[in-house]
PDB file of N, CA and C in Angstrom:
ATOM      1  N   UNK A   1      16.756  -5.147  21.298  1.00  0.00           N
ATOM      2  CA  UNK A   1      16.787  -5.725  19.975  1.00  0.00           C
ATOM      3  C   UNK A   1      18.104  -5.356  19.291  1.00  0.00           C
ATOM      4  N   UNK A   2      18.717  -6.338  18.644  1.00  0.00           N
ATOM      5  CA  UNK A   2      20.001  -6.118  17.988  1.00  0.00           C
ATOM      6  C   UNK A   2      19.819  -5.397  16.658  1.00  0.00           C
ATOM      7  N   UNK A   3      20.795  -4.554  16.355  1.00  0.00           N
ATOM      8  CA  UNK A   3      20.792  -3.910  15.041  1.00  0.00           C
ATOM      9  C   UNK A   3      21.306  -4.918  14.012  1.00  0.00           C
ATOM     10  N   UNK A   4      21.097  -4.612  12.749  1.00  0.00           N
ATOM     11  CA  UNK A   4      21.587  -5.482  11.675  1.00  0.00           C
ATOM     12  C   UNK A   4      23.115  -5.591  11.732  1.00  0.00           C
ATOM     13  N   UNK A   5      23.782  -4.494  12.029  1.00  0.00           N
ATOM     14  CA  UNK A   5      25.247  -4.504  12.128  1.00  0.00           C
ATOM     15  C   UNK A   5      25.703  -5.430  13.245  1.00  0.00           C
ATOM     16  N   UNK A   6      25.059  -5.376  14.387  1.00  0.00           N
ATOM     17  CA  UNK A   6      25.419  -6.259  15.508  1.00  0.00           C
ATOM     18  C   UNK A   6      25.186  -7.726  15.134  1.00  0.00           C
ATOM     19  N   UNK A   7      24.082  -7.994  14.455  1.00  0.00           N
ATOM     20  CA  UNK A   7      23.768  -9.360  14.054  1.00  0.00           C
ATOM     21  C   UNK A   7      24.809  -9.906  13.074  1.00  0.00           C
ATOM     22  N   UNK A   8      25.231  -9.089  12.126  1.00  0.00           N
ATOM     23  CA  UNK A   8      26.229  -9.517  11.143  1.00  0.00           C
ATOM     24  C   UNK A   8      27.586  -9.733  11.814  1.00  0.00           C
ATOM     25  N   UNK A   9      27.958  -8.845  12.723  1.00  0.00           N
ATOM     26  CA  UNK A   9      29.229  -9.007  13.444  1.00  0.00           C
ATOM     27  C   UNK A   9      29.225 -10.297  14.263  1.00  0.00           C
ATOM     28  N   UNK A  10      28.096 -10.616  14.899  1.00  0.00           N
ATOM     29  CA  UNK A  10      27.977 -11.859  15.662  1.00  0.00           C
ATOM     30  C   UNK A  10      28.045 -13.077  14.742  1.00  0.00           C
ATOM     31  N   UNK A  11      27.415 -12.999  13.579  1.00  0.00           N
ATOM     32  CA  UNK A  11      27.460 -14.096  12.612  1.00  0.00           C
ATOM     33  C   UNK A  11      28.896 -14.361  12.181  1.00  0.00           C
ATOM     34  N   UNK A  12      29.638 -13.319  11.890  1.00  0.00           N
ATOM     35  CA  UNK A  12      31.043 -13.484  11.490  1.00  0.00           C
ATOM     36  C   UNK A  12      31.840 -14.163  12.601  1.00  0.00           C
ATOM     37  N   UNK A  13      31.598 -13.773  13.835  1.00  0.00           N
ATOM     38  CA  UNK A  13      32.292 -14.386  14.974  1.00  0.00           C
ATOM     39  C   UNK A  13      31.929 -15.863  15.097  1.00  0.00           C
ATOM     40  N   UNK A  14      30.651 -16.187  14.920  1.00  0.00           N
ATOM     41  CA  UNK A  14      30.215 -17.585  15.004  1.00  0.00           C
ATOM     42  C   UNK A  14      30.807 -18.428  13.877  1.00  0.00           C
ATOM     43  N   UNK A  15      30.948 -17.845  12.710  1.00  0.00           N
ATOM     44  CA  UNK A  15      31.586 -18.560  11.597  1.00  0.00           C
ATOM     45  C   UNK A  15      33.022 -18.899  11.969  1.00  0.00           C
ATOM     46  N   UNK A  16      33.755 -17.922  12.470  1.00  0.00           N
ATOM     47  CA  UNK A  16      35.144 -18.179  12.879  1.00  0.00           C
ATOM     48  C   UNK A  16      35.206 -19.221  13.990  1.00  0.00           C
ATOM     49  N   UNK A  17      34.325 -19.135  14.948  1.00  0.00           N
ATOM     50  CA  UNK A  17      34.298 -20.091  16.061  1.00  0.00           C
ATOM     51  C   UNK A  17      34.024 -21.505  15.537  1.00  0.00           C
ATOM     52  N   UNK A  18      33.091 -21.631  14.620  1.00  0.00           N
ATOM     53  CA  UNK A  18      32.746 -22.937  14.057  1.00  0.00           C
ATOM     54  C   UNK A  18      33.896 -23.507  13.244  1.00  0.00           C
ATOM     55  N   UNK A  19      34.498 -22.685  12.403  1.00  0.00           N
ATOM     56  CA  UNK A  19      35.624 -23.163  11.587  1.00  0.00           C
ATOM     57  C   UNK A  19      36.826 -23.508  12.460  1.00  0.00           C
ATOM     58  N   UNK A  20      37.000 -22.781  13.533  1.00  0.00           N
ATOM     59  CA  UNK A  20      38.100 -23.076  14.469  1.00  0.00           C
ATOM     60  C   UNK A  20      37.902 -24.456  15.091  1.00  0.00           C
ATOM     61  N   UNK A  21      36.664 -24.795  15.397  1.00  0.00           N
ATOM     62  CA  UNK A  21      36.361 -26.102  15.990  1.00  0.00           C
ATOM     63  C   UNK A  21      36.641 -27.243  15.006  1.00  0.00           C
ATOM     64  N   UNK A  22      36.633 -26.950  13.719  1.00  0.00           N
ATOM     65  CA  UNK A  22      36.879 -27.979  12.693  1.00  0.00           C
ATOM     66  C   UNK A  22      38.361 -28.157  12.392  1.00  0.00           C
ATOM     67  N   UNK A  23      39.179 -27.304  12.926  1.00  0.00           N
ATOM     68  CA  UNK A  23      40.620 -27.380  12.657  1.00  0.00           C
ATOM     69  C   UNK A  23      41.171 -28.718  13.089  1.00  0.00           C
ATOM     70  N   UNK A  24      41.990 -29.322  12.235  1.00  0.00           N
ATOM     71  CA  UNK A  24      42.657 -30.565  12.591  1.00  0.00           C
ATOM     72  C   UNK A  24      41.789 -31.797  12.459  1.00  0.00           C
ATOM     73  N   UNK A  25      40.609 -31.656  11.852  1.00  0.00           N
ATOM     74  CA  UNK A  25      39.770 -32.843  11.675  1.00  0.00           C
ATOM     75  C   UNK A  25      40.197 -33.615  10.428  1.00  0.00           C
ATOM     76  N   UNK A  26      39.475 -34.640  10.101  1.00  0.00           N
ATOM     77  CA  UNK A  26      39.824 -35.497   8.966  1.00  0.00           C
ATOM     78  C   UNK A  26      39.770 -34.749   7.636  1.00  0.00           C
ATOM     79  N   UNK A  27      39.067 -33.634   7.584  1.00  0.00           N
ATOM     80  CA  UNK A  27      38.932 -32.861   6.351  1.00  0.00           C
ATOM     81  C   UNK A  27      39.888 -31.672   6.312  1.00  0.00           C
ATOM     82  N   UNK A  28      40.905 -31.695   7.161  1.00  0.00           N
ATOM     83  CA  UNK A  28      41.923 -30.641   7.221  1.00  0.00           C
ATOM     84  C   UNK A  28      41.330 -29.261   7.487  1.00  0.00           C
ATOM     85  N   UNK A  29      40.251 -29.239   8.246  1.00  0.00           N
ATOM     86  CA  UNK A  29      39.650 -27.972   8.632  1.00  0.00           C
ATOM     87  C   UNK A  29      38.641 -27.413   7.653  1.00  0.00           C
ATOM     88  N   UNK A  30      38.473 -28.028   6.501  1.00  0.00           N
ATOM     89  CA  UNK A  30      37.514 -27.532   5.514  1.00  0.00           C
ATOM     90  C   UNK A  30      36.098 -27.917   5.921  1.00  0.00           C
ATOM     91  N   UNK A  31      35.166 -26.980   5.765  1.00  0.00           N
ATOM     92  CA  UNK A  31      33.761 -27.225   6.055  1.00  0.00           C
ATOM     93  C   UNK A  31      32.940 -26.651   4.897  1.00  0.00           C
ATOM     94  N   UNK A  32      32.041 -27.458   4.368  1.00  0.00           N
ATOM     95  CA  UNK A  32      31.222 -26.971   3.251  1.00  0.00           C
ATOM     96  C   UNK A  32      30.317 -25.845   3.730  1.00  0.00           C
ATOM     97  N   UNK A  33      29.942 -24.991   2.809  1.00  0.00           N
ATOM     98  CA  UNK A  33      29.071 -23.882   3.176  1.00  0.00           C
ATOM     99  C   UNK A  33      27.724 -24.403   3.650  1.00  0.00           C
ATOM    100  N   UNK A  34      27.240 -25.474   3.057  1.00  0.00           N
ATOM    101  CA  UNK A  34      25.957 -26.032   3.495  1.00  0.00           C
ATOM    102  C   UNK A  34      26.064 -26.552   4.931  1.00  0.00           C
ATOM    103  N   UNK A  35      27.157 -27.246   5.244  1.00  0.00           N
ATOM    104  CA  UNK A  35      27.337 -27.739   6.618  1.00  0.00           C
ATOM    105  C   UNK A  35      27.492 -26.585   7.599  1.00  0.00           C
ATOM    106  N   UNK A  36      28.248 -25.579   7.195  1.00  0.00           N
ATOM    107  CA  UNK A  36      28.423 -24.398   8.035  1.00  0.00           C
ATOM    108  C   UNK A  36      27.065 -23.731   8.286  1.00  0.00           C
ATOM    109  N   UNK A  37      26.286 -23.580   7.236  1.00  0.00           N
ATOM    110  CA  UNK A  37      24.947 -23.000   7.357  1.00  0.00           C
ATOM    111  C   UNK A  37      24.085 -23.802   8.327  1.00  0.00           C
ATOM    112  N   UNK A  38      24.117 -25.119   8.200  1.00  0.00           N
ATOM    113  CA  UNK A  38      23.296 -25.963   9.072  1.00  0.00           C
ATOM    114  C   UNK A  38      23.703 -25.841  10.538  1.00  0.00           C
ATOM    115  N   UNK A  39      24.998 -25.779  10.803  1.00  0.00           N
ATOM    116  CA  UNK A  39      25.475 -25.612  12.181  1.00  0.00           C
ATOM    117  C   UNK A  39      25.029 -24.257  12.723  1.00  0.00           C
ATOM    118  N   UNK A  40      25.222 -23.215  11.938  1.00  0.00           N
ATOM    119  CA  UNK A  40      24.869 -21.872  12.387  1.00  0.00           C
ATOM    120  C   UNK A  40      23.361 -21.716  12.549  1.00  0.00           C
ATOM    121  N   UNK A  41      22.600 -22.310  11.662  1.00  0.00           N
ATOM    122  CA  UNK A  41      21.146 -22.199  11.721  1.00  0.00           C
ATOM    123  C   UNK A  41      20.590 -22.864  12.973  1.00  0.00           C
ATOM    124  N   UNK A  42      21.281 -23.898  13.452  1.00  0.00           N
ATOM    125  CA  UNK A  42      20.807 -24.572  14.662  1.00  0.00           C
ATOM    126  C   UNK A  42      20.879 -23.649  15.878  1.00  0.00           C
ATOM    127  N   UNK A  43      21.753 -22.660  15.849  1.00  0.00           N
ATOM    128  CA  UNK A  43      21.873 -21.724  16.965  1.00  0.00           C
ATOM    129  C   UNK A  43      21.170 -20.405  16.724  1.00  0.00           C
ATOM    130  N   UNK A  44      20.754 -20.161  15.503  1.00  0.00           N
ATOM    131  CA  UNK A  44      20.084 -18.909  15.133  1.00  0.00           C
ATOM    132  C   UNK A  44      18.579 -19.120  15.222  1.00  0.00           C
ATOM    133  N   UNK A  45      17.868 -18.259  15.930  1.00  0.00           N
ATOM    134  CA  UNK A  45      16.438 -18.483  16.108  1.00  0.00           C
ATOM    135  C   UNK A  45      15.687 -18.644  14.782  1.00  0.00           C
ATOM    136  N   UNK A  46      15.892 -17.759  13.849  1.00  0.00           N
ATOM    137  CA  UNK A  46      15.224 -17.858  12.550  1.00  0.00           C
ATOM    138  C   UNK A  46      15.770 -16.786  11.627  1.00  0.00           C
ATOM    139  N   UNK A  47      15.515 -16.970  10.362  1.00  0.00           N
ATOM    140  CA  UNK A  47      15.846 -15.927   9.402  1.00  0.00           C
ATOM    141  C   UNK A  47      17.217 -16.004   8.770  1.00  0.00           C
ATOM    142  N   UNK A  48      18.093 -16.872   9.234  1.00  0.00           N
ATOM    143  CA  UNK A  48      19.419 -16.975   8.643  1.00  0.00           C
ATOM    144  C   UNK A  48      19.308 -17.635   7.270  1.00  0.00           C
ATOM    145  N   UNK A  49      19.991 -17.068   6.280  1.00  0.00           N
ATOM    146  CA  UNK A  49      19.942 -17.627   4.932  1.00  0.00           C
ATOM    147  C   UNK A  49      21.337 -18.060   4.482  1.00  0.00           C
ATOM    148  N   UNK A  50      21.357 -18.946   3.500  1.00  0.00           N
ATOM    149  CA  UNK A  50      22.624 -19.378   2.916  1.00  0.00           C
ATOM    150  C   UNK A  50      23.366 -18.182   2.322  1.00  0.00           C
ATOM    151  N   UNK A  51      22.626 -17.249   1.743  1.00  0.00           N
ATOM    152  CA  UNK A  51      23.226 -16.052   1.164  1.00  0.00           C
ATOM    153  C   UNK A  51      23.953 -15.236   2.231  1.00  0.00           C
ATOM    154  N   UNK A  52      23.326 -15.063   3.400  1.00  0.00           N
ATOM    155  CA  UNK A  52      23.967 -14.306   4.486  1.00  0.00           C
ATOM    156  C   UNK A  52      25.252 -14.969   4.948  1.00  0.00           C
ATOM    157  N   UNK A  53      25.234 -16.296   5.055  1.00  0.00           N
ATOM    158  CA  UNK A  53      26.438 -17.029   5.461  1.00  0.00           C
ATOM    159  C   UNK A  53      27.525 -16.833   4.405  1.00  0.00           C
ATOM    160  N   UNK A  54      27.155 -16.952   3.133  1.00  0.00           N
ATOM    161  CA  UNK A  54      28.124 -16.752   2.061  1.00  0.00           C
ATOM    162  C   UNK A  54      28.706 -15.351   2.054  1.00  0.00           C
ATOM    163  N   UNK A  55      27.845 -14.371   2.278  1.00  0.00           N
ATOM    164  CA  UNK A  55      28.305 -12.979   2.302  1.00  0.00           C
ATOM    165  C   UNK A  55      29.247 -12.738   3.480  1.00  0.00           C
ATOM    166  N   UNK A  56      28.911 -13.296   4.643  1.00  0.00           N
ATOM    167  CA  UNK A  56      29.775 -13.133   5.820  1.00  0.00           C
ATOM    168  C   UNK A  56      31.111 -13.837   5.604  1.00  0.00           C
ATOM    169  N   UNK A  57      31.080 -15.020   5.005  1.00  0.00           N
ATOM    170  CA  UNK A  57      32.332 -15.741   4.717  1.00  0.00           C
ATOM    171  C   UNK A  57      33.186 -14.975   3.709  1.00  0.00           C
ATOM    172  N   UNK A  58      32.541 -14.397   2.702  1.00  0.00           N
ATOM    173  CA  UNK A  58      33.280 -13.610   1.712  1.00  0.00           C
ATOM    174  C   UNK A  58      33.956 -12.404   2.369  1.00  0.00           C
ATOM    175  N   UNK A  59      33.265 -11.765   3.300  1.00  0.00           N
ATOM    176  CA  UNK A  59      33.853 -10.656   4.050  1.00  0.00           C
ATOM    177  C   UNK A  59      35.090 -11.136   4.819  1.00  0.00           C
ATOM    178  N   UNK A  60      34.930 -12.255   5.528  1.00  0.00           N
ATOM    179  CA  UNK A  60      36.048 -12.800   6.308  1.00  0.00           C
ATOM    180  C   UNK A  60      37.209 -13.217   5.402  1.00  0.00           C
ATOM    181  N   UNK A  61      36.906 -13.717   4.220  1.00  0.00           N
ATOM    182  CA  UNK A  61      37.959 -14.079   3.267  1.00  0.00           C
ATOM    183  C   UNK A  61      38.700 -12.832   2.782  1.00  0.00           C
ATOM    184  N   UNK A  62      37.956 -11.754   2.570  1.00  0.00           N
ATOM    185  CA  UNK A  62      38.575 -10.492   2.175  1.00  0.00           C
ATOM    186  C   UNK A  62      39.519  -9.954   3.234  1.00  0.00           C
ATOM    187  N   UNK A  63      39.247 -10.266   4.490  1.00  0.00           N
ATOM    188  CA  UNK A  63      40.106  -9.860   5.601  1.00  0.00           C
ATOM    189  C   UNK A  63      41.201 -10.897   5.874  1.00  0.00           C
ATOM    190  N   UNK A  64      41.198 -11.977   5.108  1.00  0.00           N
ATOM    191  CA  UNK A  64      42.170 -13.086   5.217  1.00  0.00           C
ATOM    192  C   UNK A  64      42.019 -13.889   6.504  1.00  0.00           C
ATOM    193  N   UNK A  65      40.819 -13.888   7.090  1.00  0.00           N
ATOM    194  CA  UNK A  65      40.551 -14.695   8.274  1.00  0.00           C
ATOM    195  C   UNK A  65      40.096 -16.109   7.918  1.00  0.00           C
ATOM    196  N   UNK A  66      39.575 -16.283   6.703  1.00  0.00           N
ATOM    197  CA  UNK A  66      39.184 -17.600   6.204  1.00  0.00           C
ATOM    198  C   UNK A  66      39.631 -17.717   4.752  1.00  0.00           C
ATOM    199  N   UNK A  67      39.712 -18.954   4.283  1.00  0.00           N
ATOM    200  CA  UNK A  67      39.989 -19.169   2.864  1.00  0.00           C
ATOM    201  C   UNK A  67      38.885 -20.026   2.274  1.00  0.00           C
ATOM    202  N   UNK A  68      38.717 -19.900   0.961  1.00  0.00           N
ATOM    203  CA  UNK A  68      37.636 -20.586   0.265  1.00  0.00           C
ATOM    204  C   UNK A  68      38.216 -21.549  -0.758  1.00  0.00           C
ATOM    205  N   UNK A  69      37.482 -22.638  -0.960  1.00  0.00           N
ATOM    206  CA  UNK A  69      37.830 -23.616  -1.989  1.00  0.00           C
ATOM    207  C   UNK A  69      36.532 -23.946  -2.724  1.00  0.00           C
ATOM    208  N   UNK A  70      36.517 -23.719  -4.032  1.00  0.00           N
ATOM    209  CA  UNK A  70      35.327 -24.014  -4.831  1.00  0.00           C
ATOM    210  C   UNK A  70      35.361 -25.469  -5.275  1.00  0.00           C
ATOM    211  N   UNK A  71      34.215 -26.139  -5.198  1.00  0.00           N
ATOM    212  CA  UNK A  71      34.114 -27.528  -5.644  1.00  0.00           C
ATOM    213  C   UNK A  71      33.460 -27.645  -7.009  1.00  0.00           C
ATOM    214  N   UNK A  72      33.072 -26.513  -7.594  1.00  0.00           N
ATOM    215  CA  UNK A  72      32.497 -26.538  -8.936  1.00  0.00           C
ATOM    216  C   UNK A  72      32.931 -25.275  -9.663  1.00  0.00           C
ATOM    217  N   UNK A  73      32.687 -25.247 -10.942  1.00  0.00           N
ATOM    218  CA  UNK A  73      33.054 -24.084 -11.756  1.00  0.00           C
ATOM    219  C   UNK A  73      32.034 -22.952 -11.644  1.00  0.00           C
ATOM    220  N   UNK A  74      30.865 -23.225 -11.092  1.00  0.00           N
ATOM    221  CA  UNK A  74      29.807 -22.227 -11.000  1.00  0.00           C
ATOM    222  C   UNK A  74      30.156 -21.155  -9.982  1.00  0.00           C
ATOM    223  N   UNK A  75      30.075 -19.913 -10.412  1.00  0.00           N
ATOM    224  CA  UNK A  75      30.315 -18.791  -9.505  1.00  0.00           C
ATOM    225  C   UNK A  75      29.095 -18.508  -8.644  1.00  0.00           C
ATOM    226  N   UNK A  76      27.968 -19.122  -8.991  1.00  0.00           N
ATOM    227  CA  UNK A  76      26.713 -18.790  -8.333  1.00  0.00           C
ATOM    228  C   UNK A  76      26.241 -19.846  -7.348  1.00  0.00           C
ATOM    229  N   UNK A  77      26.837 -21.006  -7.354  1.00  0.00           N
ATOM    230  CA  UNK A  77      26.393 -22.088  -6.477  1.00  0.00           C
ATOM    231  C   UNK A  77      27.140 -22.024  -5.155  1.00  0.00           C
ATOM    232  N   UNK A  78      26.573 -21.313  -4.194  1.00  0.00           N
ATOM    233  CA  UNK A  78      27.239 -21.101  -2.911  1.00  0.00           C
ATOM    234  C   UNK A  78      27.450 -22.393  -2.135  1.00  0.00           C
ATOM    235  N   UNK A  79      26.557 -23.353  -2.308  1.00  0.00           N
ATOM    236  CA  UNK A  79      26.660 -24.597  -1.545  1.00  0.00           C
ATOM    237  C   UNK A  79      27.874 -25.414  -1.966  1.00  0.00           C
ATOM    238  N   UNK A  80      28.474 -25.088  -3.102  1.00  0.00           N
ATOM    239  CA  UNK A  80      29.640 -25.814  -3.587  1.00  0.00           C
ATOM    240  C   UNK A  80      30.956 -25.159  -3.172  1.00  0.00           C
ATOM    241  N   UNK A  81      30.930 -24.424  -2.092  1.00  0.00           N
ATOM    242  CA  UNK A  81      32.142 -23.795  -1.561  1.00  0.00           C
ATOM    243  C   UNK A  81      32.485 -24.411  -0.215  1.00  0.00           C
ATOM    244  N   UNK A  82      33.774 -24.543   0.025  1.00  0.00           N
ATOM    245  CA  UNK A  82      34.271 -24.992   1.324  1.00  0.00           C
ATOM    246  C   UNK A  82      35.064 -23.844   1.934  1.00  0.00           C
ATOM    247  N   UNK A  83      35.045 -23.776   3.251  1.00  0.00           N
ATOM    248  CA  UNK A  83      35.728 -22.702   3.978  1.00  0.00           C
ATOM    249  C   UNK A  83      36.585 -23.300   5.082  1.00  0.00           C
ATOM    250  N   UNK A  84      37.679 -22.626   5.402  1.00  0.00           N
ATOM    251  CA  UNK A  84      38.448 -22.983   6.597  1.00  0.00           C
ATOM    252  C   UNK A  84      39.136 -21.740   7.145  1.00  0.00           C
ATOM    253  N   UNK A  85      39.394 -21.782   8.431  1.00  0.00           N
ATOM    254  CA  UNK A  85      40.004 -20.652   9.116  1.00  0.00           C
ATOM    255  C   UNK A  85      41.493 -20.594   8.775  1.00  0.00           C
ATOM    256  N   UNK A  86      42.031 -19.389   8.687  1.00  0.00           N
ATOM    257  CA  UNK A  86      43.455 -19.177   8.406  1.00  0.00           C
ATOM    258  C   UNK A  86      44.185 -18.855   9.715  1.00  0.00           C
ATOM    259  N   UNK A  87      45.511 -18.804   9.672  1.00  0.00           N
ATOM    260  CA  UNK A  87      46.239 -18.401  10.878  1.00  0.00           C
ATOM    261  C   UNK A  87      45.813 -17.020  11.394  1.00  0.00           C
ATOM    262  N   UNK A  88      45.500 -16.093  10.491  1.00  0.00           N
ATOM    263  CA  UNK A  88      45.039 -14.768  10.929  1.00  0.00           C
ATOM    264  C   UNK A  88      43.702 -14.881  11.659  1.00  0.00           C
ATOM    265  N   UNK A  89      42.824 -15.762  11.191  1.00  0.00           N
ATOM    266  CA  UNK A  89      41.546 -15.982  11.870  1.00  0.00           C
ATOM    267  C   UNK A  89      41.737 -16.586  13.245  1.00  0.00           C
ATOM    268  N   UNK A  90      42.688 -17.505  13.351  1.00  0.00           N
ATOM    269  CA  UNK A  90      43.004 -18.099  14.652  1.00  0.00           C
ATOM    270  C   UNK A  90      43.537 -17.024  15.598  1.00  0.00           C
ATOM    271  N   UNK A  91      44.409 -16.174  15.086  1.00  0.00           N
ATOM    272  CA  UNK A  91      44.953 -15.091  15.914  1.00  0.00           C
ATOM    273  C   UNK A  91      43.842 -14.166  16.415  1.00  0.00           C
ATOM    274  N   UNK A  92      42.878 -13.857  15.542  1.00  0.00           N
ATOM    275  CA  UNK A  92      41.769 -13.010  15.963  1.00  0.00           C
ATOM    276  C   UNK A  92      40.950 -13.697  17.054  1.00  0.00           C
ATOM    277  N   UNK A  93      40.694 -14.988  16.882  1.00  0.00           N
ATOM    278  CA  UNK A  93      39.939 -15.729  17.890  1.00  0.00           C
ATOM    279  C   UNK A  93      40.705 -15.846  19.206  1.00  0.00           C
ATOM    280  N   UNK A  94      42.027 -15.987  19.114  1.00  0.00           N
ATOM    281  CA  UNK A  94      42.861 -16.089  20.312  1.00  0.00           C
ATOM    282  C   UNK A  94      43.156 -14.727  20.933  1.00  0.00           C
ATOM    283  N   UNK A  95      42.704 -13.677  20.272  1.00  0.00           N
ATOM    284  CA  UNK A  95      42.894 -12.297  20.728  1.00  0.00           C
ATOM    285  C   UNK A  95      44.374 -11.933  20.843  1.00  0.00           C
ATOM    286  N   UNK A  96      45.182 -12.457  19.926  1.00  0.00           N
ATOM    287  CA  UNK A  96      46.607 -12.107  19.896  1.00  0.00           C
ATOM    288  C   UNK A  96      46.891 -11.000  18.890  1.00  0.00           C
ATOM    289  N   UNK A  97      45.858 -10.559  18.178  1.00  0.00           N
ATOM    290  CA  UNK A  97      45.954  -9.400  17.291  1.00  0.00           C
ATOM    291  C   UNK A  97      44.847  -8.432  17.704  1.00  0.00           C
ATOM    292  N   UNK A  98      44.972  -7.173  17.294  1.00  0.00           N
ATOM    293  CA  UNK A  98      43.938  -6.197  17.682  1.00  0.00           C
ATOM    294  C   UNK A  98      42.552  -6.600  17.167  1.00  0.00           C
ATOM    295  N   UNK A  99      41.507  -6.169  17.867  1.00  0.00           N
ATOM    296  CA  UNK A  99      40.148  -6.483  17.434  1.00  0.00           C
ATOM    297  C   UNK A  99      39.858  -5.912  16.048  1.00  0.00           C
ATOM    298  N   UNK A 100      38.972  -6.567  15.343  1.00  0.00           N
ATOM    299  CA  UNK A 100      38.517  -6.098  14.037  1.00  0.00           C
ATOM    300  C   UNK A 100      37.117  -5.541  14.240  1.00  0.00           C
ATOM    301  N   UNK A 101      36.852  -4.303  13.851  1.00  0.00           N
ATOM    302  CA  UNK A 101      35.542  -3.721  14.084  1.00  0.00           C
ATOM    303  C   UNK A 101      34.413  -4.427  13.332  1.00  0.00           C
ATOM    304  N   UNK A 102      34.752  -5.249  12.341  1.00  0.00           N
ATOM    305  CA  UNK A 102      33.733  -5.962  11.589  1.00  0.00           C
ATOM    306  C   UNK A 102      33.347  -7.303  12.174  1.00  0.00           C
ATOM    307  N   UNK A 103      34.015  -7.708  13.258  1.00  0.00           N
ATOM    308  CA  UNK A 103      33.755  -9.006  13.880  1.00  0.00           C
ATOM    309  C   UNK A 103      33.517  -8.764  15.366  1.00  0.00           C
ATOM    310  N   UNK A 104      32.444  -9.354  15.884  1.00  0.00           N
ATOM    311  CA  UNK A 104      32.151  -9.175  17.311  1.00  0.00           C
ATOM    312  C   UNK A 104      33.359  -9.590  18.149  1.00  0.00           C
ATOM    313  N   UNK A 105      33.676  -8.768  19.122  1.00  0.00           N
ATOM    314  CA  UNK A 105      34.836  -9.033  19.974  1.00  0.00           C
ATOM    315  C   UNK A 105      34.545  -8.451  21.341  1.00  0.00           C
ATOM    316  N   UNK A 106      34.737  -9.234  22.373  1.00  0.00           N
ATOM    317  CA  UNK A 106      34.457  -8.780  23.738  1.00  0.00           C
ATOM    318  C   UNK A 106      35.414  -7.687  24.215  1.00  0.00           C
ATOM    319  N   UNK A 107      36.505  -7.503  23.492  1.00  0.00           N
ATOM    320  CA  UNK A 107      37.482  -6.492  23.918  1.00  0.00           C
ATOM    321  C   UNK A 107      37.040  -5.070  23.580  1.00  0.00           C
ATOM    322  N   UNK A 108      36.064  -4.935  22.701  1.00  0.00           N
ATOM    323  CA  UNK A 108      35.631  -3.573  22.308  1.00  0.00           C
ATOM    324  C   UNK A 108      34.229  -3.305  22.768  1.00  0.00           C
TER     325      UNK A 108
END
């Protein structure tokens, strides 16, 4: 059974993987939090919440692996946020920078 820390690290990795797949699309790599949640939930057995996705994205944004764009003035409406991967996030996924202990990585 996975610990909560392992589950969160895997979620962060899946977020980066999903946003990486959206790079270069018609929306310039931006993916709404609701769409991101729906994609991730399809692979998560159960229990994933919009709040957890938002919290994981906020962590990744703090590390500069993703950037956020708000579509409304509300600070509380998580579904009105868009996310996209940054060059630093791409580097982490490509393993051209050292592993981050907060994101699942096969190198560690």
